Amino acid sequence: MKIRALLRQASLQSPAPKGVFYKTGPGDYAAHDRFMGVNVPTLRKIAKTFPDLSLDELETLLKSKINEERFLALVILVKQYQKASTYQKEALYQFYRDNLRHVNNWNLVDASAHLILGVHLEDKDKSVLSSLAKSEILWERRIAGVSTWHFIRKGHLRWTFEMAMLLLKDPHDLIHKAVGWMLREAGKRDEKQLMEFLDQHGKTMLRYAIEKFPEHKRKHYLLSQN
């Protein structure tokens, strides 16, 4: 595939350390992943050169062990979804759902979940998010949380708080960070609702959720937990 050749050429020219932002040691969340060291702006530039890859070609990239190849596939898929007809959107959404097992690192989730799953479920049954939030698969739980970013942007906060409740006691730091991030975004829309949520449920995700609060409010919540 030409896109792979271009990616490899970019990797030879990239000074970026490989996998520096990921835990790739034995037993770590990214132990399965390989990195070429190509940065995100370069990856997005490459993706623009191949906007019309077929689903078969995208699936080949998604099945790759190389993180950047999967990232390229998802960026292209997002762009195709955004330009597609209603009928085509359904097919692309189903393709994304069928390949969730390959959306298996935080950068892949964060580049696609809200832009495909979130957008597609805006006016549809959202119970799939609850199922994902209860999954034994780390990345499916993160997808459940990050997908709600689209709803937040539309001013609909219910599902963000529902996912936060389901994920409140999740054992993994990557889930705490993702849900805390979504809570912060929700708080920009409705700070009162966020503060009420933190008053009731805030111990686990408190520090992430209040990161952008004014100093006096951060102190209030931190002291309240002592």
C-alpha atoms as a PDB file:
ATOM      1  CA  MET A   1       0.000   0.000   0.000  1.00  0.00           C
ATOM      2  CA  LYS A   2       1.303   3.435  -0.944  1.00  0.00           C
ATOM      3  CA  ILE A   3       0.181   4.889   2.356  1.00  0.00           C
ATOM      4  CA  ARG A   4       2.439   2.479   4.220  1.00  0.00           C
ATOM      5  CA  ALA A   5       5.399   3.428   2.054  1.00  0.00           C
ATOM      6  CA  LEU A   6       4.778   7.111   2.774  1.00  0.00           C
ATOM      7  CA  LEU A   7       4.485   6.388   6.496  1.00  0.00           C
ATOM      8  CA  ARG A   8       7.767   4.519   6.527  1.00  0.00           C
ATOM      9  CA  GLN A   9       9.452   7.361   4.673  1.00  0.00           C
ATOM     10  CA  ALA A  10       8.130   9.782   7.271  1.00  0.00           C
ATOM     11  CA  SER A  11       9.411   7.576  10.084  1.00  0.00           C
ATOM     12  CA  LEU A  12      12.948   7.713   8.686  1.00  0.00           C
ATOM     13  CA  GLN A  13      12.780  11.515   8.727  1.00  0.00           C
ATOM     14  CA  SER A  14      11.223  11.774  12.185  1.00  0.00           C
ATOM     15  CA  PRO A  15      13.392  12.667  15.188  1.00  0.00           C
ATOM     16  CA  ALA A  16      10.551  11.801  17.573  1.00  0.00           C
ATOM     17  CA  PRO A  17      11.272   9.086  20.152  1.00  0.00           C
ATOM     18  CA  LYS A  18       9.147   5.995  19.584  1.00  0.00           C
ATOM     19  CA  GLY A  19       6.379   5.283  22.077  1.00  0.00           C
ATOM     20  CA  VAL A  20       7.537   7.947  24.537  1.00  0.00           C
ATOM     21  CA  PHE A  21       3.957   8.847  25.522  1.00  0.00           C
ATOM     22  CA  TYR A  22       2.849   5.240  26.089  1.00  0.00           C
ATOM     23  CA  LYS A  23       3.520   2.516  28.629  1.00  0.00           C
ATOM     24  CA  THR A  24       4.903  -0.284  26.499  1.00  0.00           C
ATOM     25  CA  GLY A  25       6.624  -2.485  29.068  1.00  0.00           C
ATOM     26  CA  PRO A  26       5.584  -6.085  29.758  1.00  0.00           C
ATOM     27  CA  GLY A  27       2.077  -6.088  31.201  1.00  0.00           C
ATOM     28  CA  ASP A  28       1.534  -2.385  30.473  1.00  0.00           C
ATOM     29  CA  TYR A  29      -1.500  -1.138  28.558  1.00  0.00           C
ATOM     30  CA  ALA A  30       0.506  -0.580  25.332  1.00  0.00           C
ATOM     31  CA  ALA A  31       2.651  -3.710  25.516  1.00  0.00           C
ATOM     32  CA  HIS A  32       0.936  -4.928  22.336  1.00  0.00           C
ATOM     33  CA  ASP A  33       1.816  -1.805  20.367  1.00  0.00           C
ATOM     34  CA  ARG A  34       4.670  -0.903  18.045  1.00  0.00           C
ATOM     35  CA  PHE A  35       5.565   2.701  17.209  1.00  0.00           C
ATOM     36  CA  MET A  36       7.385   4.276  14.283  1.00  0.00           C
ATOM     37  CA  GLY A  37       7.811   7.681  15.916  1.00  0.00           C
ATOM     38  CA  VAL A  38       5.775   9.723  13.401  1.00  0.00           C
ATOM     39  CA  ASN A  39       4.052  12.702  15.014  1.00  0.00           C
ATOM     40  CA  VAL A  40       0.338  13.481  14.773  1.00  0.00           C
ATOM     41  CA  PRO A  41       0.568  16.495  12.414  1.00  0.00           C
ATOM     42  CA  THR A  42       2.548  14.373   9.936  1.00  0.00           C
ATOM     43  CA  LEU A  43       0.067  11.502  10.265  1.00  0.00           C
ATOM     44  CA  ARG A  44      -2.857  13.813   9.573  1.00  0.00           C
ATOM     45  CA  LYS A  45      -1.043  15.236   6.545  1.00  0.00           C
ATOM     46  CA  ILE A  46      -0.513  11.721   5.189  1.00  0.00           C
ATOM     47  CA  ALA A  47      -4.174  10.874   5.830  1.00  0.00           C
ATOM     48  CA  LYS A  48      -5.295  13.821   3.688  1.00  0.00           C
ATOM     49  CA  THR A  49      -3.410  12.299   0.764  1.00  0.00           C
ATOM     50  CA  PHE A  50      -5.495   9.108   0.926  1.00  0.00           C
ATOM     51  CA  PRO A  51      -9.091  10.199   1.593  1.00  0.00           C
ATOM     52  CA  ASP A  52     -10.733   7.447  -0.445  1.00  0.00           C
ATOM     53  CA  LEU A  53      -9.224   4.246   0.916  1.00  0.00           C
ATOM     54  CA  SER A  54     -11.674   1.360   0.729  1.00  0.00           C
ATOM     55  CA  LEU A  55     -12.998  -0.321   3.859  1.00  0.00           C
ATOM     56  CA  ASP A  56     -10.850  -3.342   3.018  1.00  0.00           C
ATOM     57  CA  GLU A  57      -7.757  -1.145   2.942  1.00  0.00           C
ATOM     58  CA  LEU A  58      -8.777   0.606   6.149  1.00  0.00           C
ATOM     59  CA  GLU A  59      -9.336  -2.750   7.830  1.00  0.00           C
ATOM     60  CA  THR A  60      -5.863  -3.885   6.773  1.00  0.00           C
ATOM     61  CA  LEU A  61      -4.391  -0.822   8.457  1.00  0.00           C
ATOM     62  CA  LEU A  62      -6.558  -1.283  11.535  1.00  0.00           C
ATOM     63  CA  LYS A  63      -5.288  -4.831  11.968  1.00  0.00           C
ATOM     64  CA  SER A  64      -1.680  -3.642  11.946  1.00  0.00           C
ATOM     65  CA  LYS A  65       0.482  -3.965  15.043  1.00  0.00           C
ATOM     66  CA  ILE A  66       1.843  -0.492  14.272  1.00  0.00           C
ATOM     67  CA  ASN A  67       0.005   2.228  16.174  1.00  0.00           C
ATOM     68  CA  GLU A  68       0.501   4.881  13.509  1.00  0.00           C
ATOM     69  CA  GLU A  69      -1.095   2.696  10.837  1.00  0.00           C
ATOM     70  CA  ARG A  70      -4.188   2.192  12.971  1.00  0.00           C
ATOM     71  CA  PHE A  71      -4.250   5.918  13.708  1.00  0.00           C
ATOM     72  CA  LEU A  72      -4.128   6.711   9.983  1.00  0.00           C
ATOM     73  CA  ALA A  73      -7.028   4.360   9.319  1.00  0.00           C
ATOM     74  CA  LEU A  74      -9.156   6.020  11.997  1.00  0.00           C
ATOM     75  CA  VAL A  75      -8.392   9.564  10.864  1.00  0.00           C
ATOM     76  CA  ILE A  76      -9.380   8.641   7.312  1.00  0.00           C
ATOM     77  CA  LEU A  77     -12.496   6.834   8.557  1.00  0.00           C
ATOM     78  CA  VAL A  78     -13.564   9.899  10.546  1.00  0.00           C
ATOM     79  CA  LYS A  79     -13.201  12.121   7.469  1.00  0.00           C
ATOM     80  CA  GLN A  80     -15.144   9.665   5.336  1.00  0.00           C
ATOM     81  CA  TYR A  81     -17.907   9.533   7.947  1.00  0.00           C
ATOM     82  CA  GLN A  82     -18.141  13.318   8.112  1.00  0.00           C
ATOM     83  CA  LYS A  83     -18.623  13.568   4.338  1.00  0.00           C
ATOM     84  CA  ALA A  84     -20.880  10.535   3.909  1.00  0.00           C
ATOM     85  CA  SER A  85     -24.584  10.335   3.139  1.00  0.00           C
ATOM     86  CA  THR A  86     -26.958   9.088   5.824  1.00  0.00           C
ATOM     87  CA  TYR A  87     -26.883   5.596   4.328  1.00  0.00           C
ATOM     88  CA  GLN A  88     -23.091   5.585   4.098  1.00  0.00           C
ATOM     89  CA  LYS A  89     -22.767   6.864   7.670  1.00  0.00           C
ATOM     90  CA  GLU A  90     -24.598   3.789   8.922  1.00  0.00           C
ATOM     91  CA  ALA A  91     -22.184   1.492   7.083  1.00  0.00           C
ATOM     92  CA  LEU A  92     -19.143   3.380   8.360  1.00  0.00           C
ATOM     93  CA  TYR A  93     -20.511   3.366  11.905  1.00  0.00           C
ATOM     94  CA  GLN A  94     -21.024  -0.393  11.730  1.00  0.00           C
ATOM     95  CA  PHE A  95     -17.507  -0.805  10.351  1.00  0.00           C
ATOM     96  CA  TYR A  96     -16.166   1.150  13.323  1.00  0.00           C
ATOM     97  CA  ARG A  97     -18.185  -0.952  15.765  1.00  0.00           C
ATOM     98  CA  ASP A  98     -17.016  -4.157  14.113  1.00  0.00           C
ATOM     99  CA  ASN A  99     -13.392  -3.075  14.511  1.00  0.00           C
ATOM    100  CA  LEU A 100     -13.442  -1.691  18.046  1.00  0.00           C
ATOM    101  CA  ARG A 101     -10.935  -4.337  19.124  1.00  0.00           C
ATOM    102  CA  HIS A 102      -8.366  -2.501  16.992  1.00  0.00           C
ATOM    103  CA  VAL A 103      -9.132   0.876  18.611  1.00  0.00           C
ATOM    104  CA  ASN A 104      -6.859  -0.191  21.410  1.00  0.00           C
ATOM    105  CA  ASN A 105      -4.794   2.684  22.686  1.00  0.00           C
ATOM    106  CA  TRP A 106      -5.763   6.022  24.159  1.00  0.00           C
ATOM    107  CA  ASN A 107      -4.685   8.070  21.135  1.00  0.00           C
ATOM    108  CA  LEU A 108      -6.840   5.904  18.865  1.00  0.00           C
ATOM    109  CA  VAL A 109      -9.874   6.214  21.112  1.00  0.00           C
ATOM    110  CA  ASP A 110      -9.497   9.956  21.543  1.00  0.00           C
ATOM    111  CA  ALA A 111      -9.131  10.553  17.788  1.00  0.00           C
ATOM    112  CA  SER A 112     -12.294   8.691  16.842  1.00  0.00           C
ATOM    113  CA  ALA A 113     -14.816   7.778  19.543  1.00  0.00           C
ATOM    114  CA  HIS A 114     -16.674  11.100  19.821  1.00  0.00           C
ATOM    115  CA  LEU A 115     -16.387  11.781  16.082  1.00  0.00           C
ATOM    116  CA  ILE A 116     -17.984   8.505  14.978  1.00  0.00           C
ATOM    117  CA  LEU A 117     -19.741   6.769  17.851  1.00  0.00           C
ATOM    118  CA  GLY A 118     -20.745   9.976  19.593  1.00  0.00           C
ATOM    119  CA  VAL A 119     -21.986  11.718  16.451  1.00  0.00           C
ATOM    120  CA  HIS A 120     -23.852   8.667  15.213  1.00  0.00           C
ATOM    121  CA  LEU A 121     -25.672   8.122  18.504  1.00  0.00           C
ATOM    122  CA  GLU A 122     -26.712  11.749  18.929  1.00  0.00           C
ATOM    123  CA  ASP A 123     -30.345  11.076  17.949  1.00  0.00           C
ATOM    124  CA  LYS A 124     -30.366   7.312  18.552  1.00  0.00           C
ATOM    125  CA  ASP A 125     -30.527   4.795  21.380  1.00  0.00           C
ATOM    126  CA  LYS A 126     -27.405   5.294  23.476  1.00  0.00           C
ATOM    127  CA  SER A 127     -27.600   2.089  25.516  1.00  0.00           C
ATOM    128  CA  VAL A 128     -24.532   0.802  23.649  1.00  0.00           C
ATOM    129  CA  LEU A 129     -22.502   3.275  25.725  1.00  0.00           C
ATOM    130  CA  SER A 130     -23.640   1.637  28.945  1.00  0.00           C
ATOM    131  CA  SER A 131     -22.646  -1.756  27.562  1.00  0.00           C
ATOM    132  CA  LEU A 132     -19.214  -0.446  26.594  1.00  0.00           C
ATOM    133  CA  ALA A 133     -18.761   1.178  30.008  1.00  0.00           C
ATOM    134  CA  LYS A 134     -19.308  -2.234  31.615  1.00  0.00           C
ATOM    135  CA  SER A 135     -16.912  -4.020  29.277  1.00  0.00           C
ATOM    136  CA  GLU A 136     -13.911  -5.924  30.587  1.00  0.00           C
ATOM    137  CA  ILE A 137     -11.882  -4.289  27.800  1.00  0.00           C
ATOM    138  CA  LEU A 138     -10.131  -1.121  28.943  1.00  0.00           C
ATOM    139  CA  TRP A 139     -10.429   0.613  25.585  1.00  0.00           C
ATOM    140  CA  GLU A 140     -14.160  -0.018  25.251  1.00  0.00           C
ATOM    141  CA  ARG A 141     -14.686   1.631  28.628  1.00  0.00           C
ATOM    142  CA  ARG A 142     -12.638   4.631  27.520  1.00  0.00           C
ATOM    143  CA  ILE A 143     -14.649   4.779  24.270  1.00  0.00           C
ATOM    144  CA  ALA A 144     -17.844   4.946  26.335  1.00  0.00           C
ATOM    145  CA  GLY A 145     -16.584   7.987  28.216  1.00  0.00           C
ATOM    146  CA  VAL A 146     -14.910   9.871  25.371  1.00  0.00           C
ATOM    147  CA  SER A 147     -17.879   9.356  23.019  1.00  0.00           C
ATOM    148  CA  THR A 148     -19.910  11.717  25.189  1.00  0.00           C
ATOM    149  CA  TRP A 149     -17.669  14.632  24.195  1.00  0.00           C
ATOM    150  CA  HIS A 150     -19.878  15.090  21.147  1.00  0.00           C
ATOM    151  CA  PHE A 151     -22.974  15.357  23.348  1.00  0.00           C
ATOM    152  CA  ILE A 152     -21.228  17.896  25.567  1.00  0.00           C
ATOM    153  CA  ARG A 153     -20.478  20.058  22.534  1.00  0.00           C
ATOM    154  CA  LYS A 154     -24.190  19.968  21.741  1.00  0.00           C
ATOM    155  CA  GLY A 155     -25.060  20.989  25.299  1.00  0.00           C
ATOM    156  CA  HIS A 156     -26.394  17.565  26.321  1.00  0.00           C
ATOM    157  CA  LEU A 157     -24.627  16.497  29.522  1.00  0.00           C
ATOM    158  CA  ARG A 158     -26.772  13.631  30.805  1.00  0.00           C
ATOM    159  CA  TRP A 159     -24.753  10.831  29.258  1.00  0.00           C
ATOM    160  CA  THR A 160     -21.426  12.223  30.424  1.00  0.00           C
ATOM    161  CA  PHE A 161     -22.593  12.070  34.018  1.00  0.00           C
ATOM    162  CA  GLU A 162     -24.153   8.643  33.508  1.00  0.00           C
ATOM    163  CA  MET A 163     -20.893   7.276  32.104  1.00  0.00           C
ATOM    164  CA  ALA A 164     -19.002   8.915  34.980  1.00  0.00           C
ATOM    165  CA  MET A 165     -21.237   7.081  37.439  1.00  0.00           C
ATOM    166  CA  LEU A 166     -20.667   3.748  35.716  1.00  0.00           C
ATOM    167  CA  LEU A 167     -16.905   4.299  35.577  1.00  0.00           C
ATOM    168  CA  LEU A 168     -16.514   5.946  38.968  1.00  0.00           C
ATOM    169  CA  LYS A 169     -14.790   2.960  40.594  1.00  0.00           C
ATOM    170  CA  ASP A 170     -12.880   1.815  37.530  1.00  0.00           C
ATOM    171  CA  PRO A 171      -9.442   0.524  38.568  1.00  0.00           C
ATOM    172  CA  HIS A 172      -7.505   1.979  35.626  1.00  0.00           C
ATOM    173  CA  ASP A 173      -5.875   5.406  35.601  1.00  0.00           C
ATOM    174  CA  LEU A 174      -6.592   5.870  31.884  1.00  0.00           C
ATOM    175  CA  ILE A 175     -10.307   5.686  32.636  1.00  0.00           C
ATOM    176  CA  HIS A 176     -10.040   8.138  35.521  1.00  0.00           C
ATOM    177  CA  LYS A 177      -8.263  10.601  33.258  1.00  0.00           C
ATOM    178  CA  ALA A 178     -10.730  10.197  30.393  1.00  0.00           C
ATOM    179  CA  VAL A 179     -13.811  10.622  32.548  1.00  0.00           C
ATOM    180  CA  GLY A 180     -12.209  13.484  34.451  1.00  0.00           C
ATOM    181  CA  TRP A 181     -11.520  15.139  31.108  1.00  0.00           C
ATOM    182  CA  MET A 182     -15.172  14.729  30.076  1.00  0.00           C
ATOM    183  CA  LEU A 183     -16.355  16.072  33.421  1.00  0.00           C
ATOM    184  CA  ARG A 184     -14.168  19.142  32.971  1.00  0.00           C
ATOM    185  CA  GLU A 185     -15.691  19.695  29.532  1.00  0.00           C
ATOM    186  CA  ALA A 186     -19.188  19.254  30.966  1.00  0.00           C
ATOM    187  CA  GLY A 187     -18.314  21.728  33.711  1.00  0.00           C
ATOM    188  CA  LYS A 188     -17.575  24.383  31.103  1.00  0.00           C
ATOM    189  CA  ARG A 189     -21.216  24.071  30.055  1.00  0.00           C
ATOM    190  CA  ASP A 190     -22.756  23.676  33.500  1.00  0.00           C
ATOM    191  CA  GLU A 191     -20.412  24.243  36.413  1.00  0.00           C
ATOM    192  CA  LYS A 192     -23.220  23.894  38.944  1.00  0.00           C
ATOM    193  CA  GLN A 193     -24.096  20.411  37.739  1.00  0.00           C
ATOM    194  CA  LEU A 194     -20.447  19.381  37.866  1.00  0.00           C
ATOM    195  CA  MET A 195     -20.042  20.731  41.395  1.00  0.00           C
ATOM    196  CA  GLU A 196     -23.163  18.859  42.530  1.00  0.00           C
ATOM    197  CA  PHE A 197     -21.781  15.665  41.013  1.00  0.00           C
ATOM    198  CA  LEU A 198     -18.448  16.159  42.763  1.00  0.00           C
ATOM    199  CA  ASP A 199     -20.165  16.804  46.075  1.00  0.00           C
ATOM    200  CA  GLN A 200     -21.798  13.380  45.819  1.00  0.00           C
ATOM    201  CA  HIS A 201     -19.293  11.275  43.926  1.00  0.00           C
ATOM    202  CA  GLY A 202     -16.070  13.177  43.560  1.00  0.00           C
ATOM    203  CA  LYS A 203     -13.455  11.283  45.583  1.00  0.00           C
ATOM    204  CA  THR A 204     -12.175   9.026  42.830  1.00  0.00           C
ATOM    205  CA  MET A 205     -11.919  11.494  39.952  1.00  0.00           C
ATOM    206  CA  LEU A 206     -11.708  14.711  41.910  1.00  0.00           C
ATOM    207  CA  ARG A 207      -8.245  15.909  40.973  1.00  0.00           C
ATOM    208  CA  TYR A 208      -8.768  15.425  37.235  1.00  0.00           C
ATOM    209  CA  ALA A 209     -12.215  17.035  37.197  1.00  0.00           C
ATOM    210  CA  ILE A 210     -11.235  20.187  39.111  1.00  0.00           C
ATOM    211  CA  GLU A 211      -7.924  20.738  37.343  1.00  0.00           C
ATOM    212  CA  LYS A 212      -9.180  23.894  35.594  1.00  0.00           C
ATOM    213  CA  PHE A 213     -11.150  25.281  38.536  1.00  0.00           C
ATOM    214  CA  PRO A 214     -10.025  28.535  40.174  1.00  0.00           C
ATOM    215  CA  GLU A 215      -7.614  27.967  43.048  1.00  0.00           C
ATOM    216  CA  HIS A 216     -10.166  28.687  45.786  1.00  0.00           C
ATOM    217  CA  LYS A 217     -12.593  26.122  44.401  1.00  0.00           C
ATOM    218  CA  ARG A 218      -9.870  23.487  44.030  1.00  0.00           C
ATOM    219  CA  LYS A 219      -8.882  24.007  47.661  1.00  0.00           C
ATOM    220  CA  HIS A 220     -12.506  23.706  48.755  1.00  0.00           C
ATOM    221  CA  TYR A 221     -12.904  20.300  47.145  1.00  0.00           C
ATOM    222  CA  LEU A 222      -9.508  18.991  48.140  1.00  0.00           C
ATOM    223  CA  LEU A 223     -10.011  20.022  51.781  1.00  0.00           C
ATOM    224  CA  SER A 224     -13.494  18.521  51.811  1.00  0.00           C
ATOM    225  CA  GLN A 225     -11.975  15.098  51.131  1.00  0.00           C
ATOM    226  CA  ASN A 226      -9.603  15.191  54.108  1.00  0.00           C
END
